[in-house]
Structures are given as C-alpha cells and as structure tokens.
PDB file of all heavy atoms in Angstrom:
ATOM      1  N   GLU A   1       0.811  -1.221   0.001  1.00  0.00           N
ATOM      2  CA  GLU A   1      -0.014  -0.007   0.018  1.00  0.00           C
ATOM      3  C   GLU A   1       0.838   1.291  -0.020  1.00  0.00           C
ATOM      4  O   GLU A   1       0.652   2.165  -0.768  1.00  0.00           O
ATOM      5  CB  GLU A   1      -0.936   0.034   1.248  1.00  0.00           C
ATOM      6  CG  GLU A   1      -2.048  -1.013   1.216  1.00  0.00           C
ATOM      7  CD  GLU A   1      -1.538  -2.425   1.484  1.00  0.00           C
ATOM      8  OE1 GLU A   1      -0.700  -2.588   2.422  1.00  0.00           O
ATOM      9  OE2 GLU A   1      -1.974  -3.366   0.792  1.00  0.00           O
ATOM     10  N   ASP A   2       1.862   1.293   0.878  1.00  0.00           N
ATOM     11  CA  ASP A   2       2.610   2.516   1.101  1.00  0.00           C
ATOM     12  C   ASP A   2       3.915   2.541   0.338  1.00  0.00           C
ATOM     13  O   ASP A   2       4.624   3.568   0.302  1.00  0.00           O
ATOM     14  CB  ASP A   2       2.957   2.711   2.601  1.00  0.00           C
ATOM     15  CG  ASP A   2       1.681   2.581   3.492  1.00  0.00           C
ATOM     16  OD1 ASP A   2       0.684   3.165   3.106  1.00  0.00           O
ATOM     17  OD2 ASP A   2       1.774   1.891   4.513  1.00  0.00           O
ATOM     18  N   GLY A   3       4.317   1.444  -0.308  1.00  0.00           N
ATOM     19  CA  GLY A   3       5.603   1.404  -0.971  1.00  0.00           C
ATOM     20  C   GLY A   3       6.667   1.434   0.102  1.00  0.00           C
ATOM     21  O   GLY A   3       6.538   0.895   1.171  1.00  0.00           O
ATOM     22  N   MET A   4       7.804   2.058  -0.204  1.00  0.00           N
ATOM     23  CA  MET A   4       8.925   2.187   0.737  1.00  0.00           C
ATOM     24  C   MET A   4       8.694   3.452   1.561  1.00  0.00           C
ATOM     25  O   MET A   4       8.412   4.512   1.011  1.00  0.00           O
ATOM     26  CB  MET A   4      10.221   2.320  -0.092  1.00  0.00           C
ATOM     27  CG  MET A   4      11.405   2.136   0.743  1.00  0.00           C
ATOM     28  SD  MET A   4      11.898   0.412   0.707  1.00  0.00           S
ATOM     29  CE  MET A   4      13.613   0.504   0.255  1.00  0.00           C
ATOM     30  N   PHE A   5       8.801   3.334   2.868  1.00  0.00           N
ATOM     31  CA  PHE A   5       8.606   4.523   3.708  1.00  0.00           C
ATOM     32  C   PHE A   5       9.543   4.495   4.933  1.00  0.00           C
ATOM     33  O   PHE A   5      10.058   3.458   5.289  1.00  0.00           O
ATOM     34  CB  PHE A   5       7.154   4.640   4.180  1.00  0.00           C
ATOM     35  CG  PHE A   5       6.675   3.468   4.975  1.00  0.00           C
ATOM     36  CD1 PHE A   5       6.640   3.426   6.336  1.00  0.00           C
ATOM     37  CD2 PHE A   5       6.152   2.313   4.257  1.00  0.00           C
ATOM     38  CE1 PHE A   5       6.215   2.361   7.081  1.00  0.00           C
ATOM     39  CE2 PHE A   5       5.705   1.234   5.006  1.00  0.00           C
ATOM     40  CZ  PHE A   5       5.718   1.263   6.351  1.00  0.00           C
ATOM     41  N   GLN A   6       9.737   5.699   5.488  1.00  0.00           N
ATOM     42  CA  GLN A   6      10.597   5.816   6.647  1.00  0.00           C
ATOM     43  C   GLN A   6       9.881   6.338   7.860  1.00  0.00           C
ATOM     44  O   GLN A   6       8.951   7.169   7.670  1.00  0.00           O
ATOM     45  CB  GLN A   6      11.845   6.696   6.289  1.00  0.00           C
ATOM     46  CG  GLN A   6      12.817   6.030   5.393  1.00  0.00           C
ATOM     47  CD  GLN A   6      14.069   6.847   5.305  1.00  0.00           C
ATOM     48  OE1 GLN A   6      14.068   8.032   5.166  1.00  0.00           O
ATOM     49  NE2 GLN A   6      15.247   6.140   5.339  1.00  0.00           N
ATOM     50  N   ILE A   7      10.275   5.915   9.040  1.00  0.00           N
ATOM     51  CA  ILE A   7       9.657   6.387  10.260  1.00  0.00           C
ATOM     52  C   ILE A   7      10.784   6.761  11.260  1.00  0.00           C
ATOM     53  O   ILE A   7      11.738   6.059  11.427  1.00  0.00           O
ATOM     54  CB  ILE A   7       8.846   5.259  10.948  1.00  0.00           C
ATOM     55  CG1 ILE A   7       7.650   4.857  10.009  1.00  0.00           C
ATOM     56  CG2 ILE A   7       8.301   5.682  12.303  1.00  0.00           C
ATOM     57  CD1 ILE A   7       7.024   3.530  10.433  1.00  0.00           C
ATOM     58  N   GLN A   8      10.629   7.965  11.824  1.00  0.00           N
ATOM     59  CA  GLN A   8      11.572   8.362  12.885  1.00  0.00           C
ATOM     60  C   GLN A   8      10.957   8.004  14.231  1.00  0.00           C
ATOM     61  O   GLN A   8       9.852   8.443  14.548  1.00  0.00           O
ATOM     62  CB  GLN A   8      11.818   9.867  12.818  1.00  0.00           C
ATOM     63  CG  GLN A   8      12.703  10.404  14.037  1.00  0.00           C
ATOM     64  CD  GLN A   8      14.120   9.915  13.871  1.00  0.00           C
ATOM     65  OE1 GLN A   8      14.871  10.146  12.966  1.00  0.00           O
ATOM     66  NE2 GLN A   8      14.553   9.195  14.947  1.00  0.00           N
ATOM     67  N   ALA A   9      11.675   7.126  15.019  1.00  0.00           N
ATOM     68  CA  ALA A   9      11.153   6.738  16.303  1.00  0.00           C
ATOM     69  C   ALA A   9      12.024   7.337  17.441  1.00  0.00           C
ATOM     70  O   ALA A   9      13.215   7.601  17.230  1.00  0.00           O
ATOM     71  CB  ALA A   9      11.193   5.219  16.364  1.00  0.00           C
ATOM     72  N   LYS A  10      11.428   7.448  18.595  1.00  0.00           N
ATOM     73  CA  LYS A  10      12.206   7.869  19.762  1.00  0.00           C
ATOM     74  C   LYS A  10      12.825   6.681  20.389  1.00  0.00           C
ATOM     75  O   LYS A  10      13.885   6.735  21.021  1.00  0.00           O
ATOM     76  CB  LYS A  10      11.321   8.573  20.797  1.00  0.00           C
ATOM     77  CG  LYS A  10      10.822   9.958  20.267  1.00  0.00           C
ATOM     78  CD  LYS A  10      10.013  10.689  21.356  1.00  0.00           C
ATOM     79  CE  LYS A  10       9.458  11.973  20.837  1.00  0.00           C
ATOM     80  NZ  LYS A  10       8.451  12.559  21.738  1.00  0.00           N
ATOM     81  N   ALA A  11      12.154   5.511  20.313  1.00  0.00           N
ATOM     82  CA  ALA A  11      12.713   4.255  20.789  1.00  0.00           C
ATOM     83  C   ALA A  11      12.196   3.120  19.871  1.00  0.00           C
ATOM     84  O   ALA A  11      11.176   3.206  19.255  1.00  0.00           O
ATOM     85  CB  ALA A  11      12.289   4.020  22.227  1.00  0.00           C
ATOM     86  N   VAL A  12      13.032   2.055  19.787  1.00  0.00           N
ATOM     87  CA  VAL A  12      12.718   0.865  18.969  1.00  0.00           C
ATOM     88  C   VAL A  12      12.789  -0.354  19.855  1.00  0.00           C
ATOM     89  O   VAL A  12      13.735  -0.494  20.658  1.00  0.00           O
ATOM     90  CB  VAL A  12      13.652   0.760  17.796  1.00  0.00           C
ATOM     91  CG1 VAL A  12      13.399  -0.491  16.965  1.00  0.00           C
ATOM     92  CG2 VAL A  12      13.566   1.952  16.842  1.00  0.00           C
ATOM     93  N   ILE A  13      11.816  -1.273  19.741  1.00  0.00           N
ATOM     94  CA  ILE A  13      11.929  -2.575  20.369  1.00  0.00           C
ATOM     95  C   ILE A  13      12.102  -3.658  19.317  1.00  0.00           C
ATOM     96  O   ILE A  13      11.259  -3.728  18.415  1.00  0.00           O
ATOM     97  CB  ILE A  13      10.734  -2.894  21.277  1.00  0.00           C
ATOM     98  CG1 ILE A  13      10.660  -1.906  22.439  1.00  0.00           C
ATOM     99  CG2 ILE A  13      10.824  -4.365  21.808  1.00  0.00           C
ATOM    100  CD1 ILE A  13       9.524  -2.125  23.379  1.00  0.00           C
ATOM    101  N   LEU A  14      13.180  -4.400  19.399  1.00  0.00           N
ATOM    102  CA  LEU A  14      13.449  -5.520  18.403  1.00  0.00           C
ATOM    103  C   LEU A  14      12.734  -6.737  18.943  1.00  0.00           C
ATOM    104  O   LEU A  14      13.058  -7.203  20.066  1.00  0.00           O
ATOM    105  CB  LEU A  14      14.938  -5.717  18.269  1.00  0.00           C
ATOM    106  CG  LEU A  14      15.763  -4.530  17.935  1.00  0.00           C
ATOM    107  CD1 LEU A  14      17.247  -4.849  18.083  1.00  0.00           C
ATOM    108  CD2 LEU A  14      15.406  -4.034  16.547  1.00  0.00           C
ATOM    109  N   ALA A  15      11.783  -7.302  18.188  1.00  0.00           N
ATOM    110  CA  ALA A  15      11.069  -8.492  18.645  1.00  0.00           C
ATOM    111  C   ALA A  15      10.828  -9.360  17.443  1.00  0.00           C
ATOM    112  O   ALA A  15       9.745  -9.796  17.156  1.00  0.00           O
ATOM    113  CB  ALA A  15       9.724  -8.082  19.285  1.00  0.00           C
ATOM    114  N   MET A  16      11.928  -9.637  16.660  1.00  0.00           N
ATOM    115  CA  MET A  16      11.811 -10.353  15.406  1.00  0.00           C
ATOM    116  C   MET A  16      11.741 -11.868  15.579  1.00  0.00           C
ATOM    117  O   MET A  16      11.480 -12.575  14.650  1.00  0.00           O
ATOM    118  CB  MET A  16      13.016 -10.065  14.518  1.00  0.00           C
ATOM    119  CG  MET A  16      12.997  -8.644  13.916  1.00  0.00           C
ATOM    120  SD  MET A  16      13.806  -7.448  14.973  1.00  0.00           S
ATOM    121  CE  MET A  16      15.545  -7.806  14.801  1.00  0.00           C
ATOM    122  N   GLY A  17      12.017 -12.370  16.764  1.00  0.00           N
ATOM    123  CA  GLY A  17      11.969 -13.821  17.026  1.00  0.00           C
ATOM    124  C   GLY A  17      13.163 -14.505  16.387  1.00  0.00           C
ATOM    125  O   GLY A  17      14.232 -13.950  16.253  1.00  0.00           O
ATOM    126  N   CYS A  18      12.972 -15.806  16.104  1.00  0.00           N
ATOM    127  CA  CYS A  18      14.212 -16.577  15.605  1.00  0.00           C
ATOM    128  C   CYS A  18      13.717 -17.413  14.397  1.00  0.00           C
ATOM    129  O   CYS A  18      12.562 -17.531  14.076  1.00  0.00           O
ATOM    130  CB  CYS A  18      14.684 -17.515  16.699  1.00  0.00           C
ATOM    131  SG  CYS A  18      13.484 -18.613  17.331  1.00  0.00           S
ATOM    132  N   ARG A  19      14.740 -17.969  13.725  1.00  0.00           N
ATOM    133  CA  ARG A  19      14.407 -18.820  12.599  1.00  0.00           C
ATOM    134  C   ARG A  19      15.174 -20.121  12.778  1.00  0.00           C
ATOM    135  O   ARG A  19      16.017 -20.294  13.621  1.00  0.00           O
ATOM    136  CB  ARG A  19      14.853 -18.151  11.254  1.00  0.00           C
ATOM    137  CG  ARG A  19      16.284 -17.845  11.212  1.00  0.00           C
ATOM    138  CD  ARG A  19      16.603 -16.955   9.984  1.00  0.00           C
ATOM    139  NE  ARG A  19      17.841 -16.249  10.096  1.00  0.00           N
ATOM    140  CZ  ARG A  19      19.046 -16.750   9.882  1.00  0.00           C
ATOM    141  NH1 ARG A  19      19.156 -17.979   9.426  1.00  0.00           N
ATOM    142  NH2 ARG A  19      20.098 -16.010  10.027  1.00  0.00           N
ATOM    143  N   GLU A  20      14.789 -21.112  11.953  1.00  0.00           N
ATOM    144  CA  GLU A  20      15.398 -22.432  12.111  1.00  0.00           C
ATOM    145  C   GLU A  20      16.796 -22.449  11.486  1.00  0.00           C
ATOM    146  O   GLU A  20      17.019 -21.823  10.495  1.00  0.00           O
ATOM    147  CB  GLU A  20      14.540 -23.504  11.455  1.00  0.00           C
ATOM    148  CG  GLU A  20      13.267 -23.766  12.256  1.00  0.00           C
ATOM    149  CD  GLU A  20      12.440 -24.855  11.633  1.00  0.00           C
ATOM    150  OE1 GLU A  20      11.732 -24.593  10.638  1.00  0.00           O
ATOM    151  OE2 GLU A  20      12.485 -25.979  12.135  1.00  0.00           O
ATOM    152  N   ARG A  21      17.671 -23.204  12.080  1.00  0.00           N
ATOM    153  CA  ARG A  21      19.014 -23.409  11.567  1.00  0.00           C
ATOM    154  C   ARG A  21      18.851 -24.432  10.419  1.00  0.00           C
ATOM    155  O   ARG A  21      18.446 -25.550  10.617  1.00  0.00           O
ATOM    156  CB  ARG A  21      19.864 -23.952  12.646  1.00  0.00           C
ATOM    157  CG  ARG A  21      21.347 -24.046  12.297  1.00  0.00           C
ATOM    158  CD  ARG A  21      22.057 -24.918  13.325  1.00  0.00           C
ATOM    159  NE  ARG A  21      21.987 -24.339  14.657  1.00  0.00           N
ATOM    160  CZ  ARG A  21      22.932 -23.816  15.273  1.00  0.00           C
ATOM    161  NH1 ARG A  21      24.133 -23.754  14.720  1.00  0.00           N
ATOM    162  NH2 ARG A  21      22.818 -23.320  16.477  1.00  0.00           N
ATOM    163  N   SER A  22      19.173 -24.038   9.194  1.00  0.00           N
ATOM    164  CA  SER A  22      18.989 -24.963   8.108  1.00  0.00           C
ATOM    165  C   SER A  22      20.245 -25.760   7.820  1.00  0.00           C
ATOM    166  O   SER A  22      20.289 -26.603   6.994  1.00  0.00           O
ATOM    167  CB  SER A  22      18.680 -24.143   6.835  1.00  0.00           C
ATOM    168  OG  SER A  22      19.646 -23.189   6.659  1.00  0.00           O
ATOM    169  N   ARG A  23      21.302 -25.510   8.617  1.00  0.00           N
ATOM    170  CA  ARG A  23      22.622 -26.121   8.423  1.00  0.00           C
ATOM    171  C   ARG A  23      22.555 -27.670   8.477  1.00  0.00           C
ATOM    172  O   ARG A  23      23.415 -28.365   7.911  1.00  0.00           O
ATOM    173  CB  ARG A  23      23.579 -25.705   9.529  1.00  0.00           C
ATOM    174  CG  ARG A  23      24.413 -24.591   9.191  1.00  0.00           C
ATOM    175  CD  ARG A  23      25.748 -24.570   9.843  1.00  0.00           C
ATOM    176  NE  ARG A  23      25.973 -25.363  10.957  1.00  0.00           N
ATOM    177  CZ  ARG A  23      26.415 -24.904  12.135  1.00  0.00           C
ATOM    178  NH1 ARG A  23      26.563 -23.647  12.308  1.00  0.00           N
ATOM    179  NH2 ARG A  23      26.690 -25.725  13.124  1.00  0.00           N
ATOM    180  N   GLY A  24      21.580 -28.183   9.195  1.00  0.00           N
ATOM    181  CA  GLY A  24      21.593 -29.637   9.460  1.00  0.00           C
ATOM    182  C   GLY A  24      21.749 -30.496   8.240  1.00  0.00           C
ATOM    183  O   GLY A  24      22.362 -31.521   8.260  1.00  0.00           O
ATOM    184  N   ALA A  25      21.179 -30.031   7.166  1.00  0.00           N
ATOM    185  CA  ALA A  25      21.165 -30.863   5.901  1.00  0.00           C
ATOM    186  C   ALA A  25      22.477 -30.717   5.168  1.00  0.00           C
ATOM    187  O   ALA A  25      22.841 -31.535   4.300  1.00  0.00           O
ATOM    188  CB  ALA A  25      20.050 -30.459   5.024  1.00  0.00           C
ATOM    189  N   LEU A  26      23.281 -29.686   5.489  1.00  0.00           N
ATOM    190  CA  LEU A  26      24.350 -29.335   4.585  1.00  0.00           C
ATOM    191  C   LEU A  26      25.522 -30.297   4.627  1.00  0.00           C
ATOM    192  O   LEU A  26      26.275 -30.412   3.673  1.00  0.00           O
ATOM    193  CB  LEU A  26      24.837 -27.887   4.809  1.00  0.00           C
ATOM    194  CG  LEU A  26      23.735 -26.818   4.624  1.00  0.00           C
ATOM    195  CD1 LEU A  26      24.347 -25.458   4.892  1.00  0.00           C
ATOM    196  CD2 LEU A  26      23.165 -26.912   3.227  1.00  0.00           C
TER     197      LEU A  26
END
C-alpha cells in the first residue's frame, strides 16, 4: 500500500523472533 517509507522513532523494540537453523542438511 505505502511502498517504501521511513519512520523516525524515539525508541525501537526489536522483537523479530528466531528462525530455524538450516545447516543440518548441509
């Protein structure tokens, strides 16, 4: 909807979680 946009924040909380390690198969 908005395309690329920027936001100025006074504070940021990082809550991106985790992903699986795909290395097992390699």
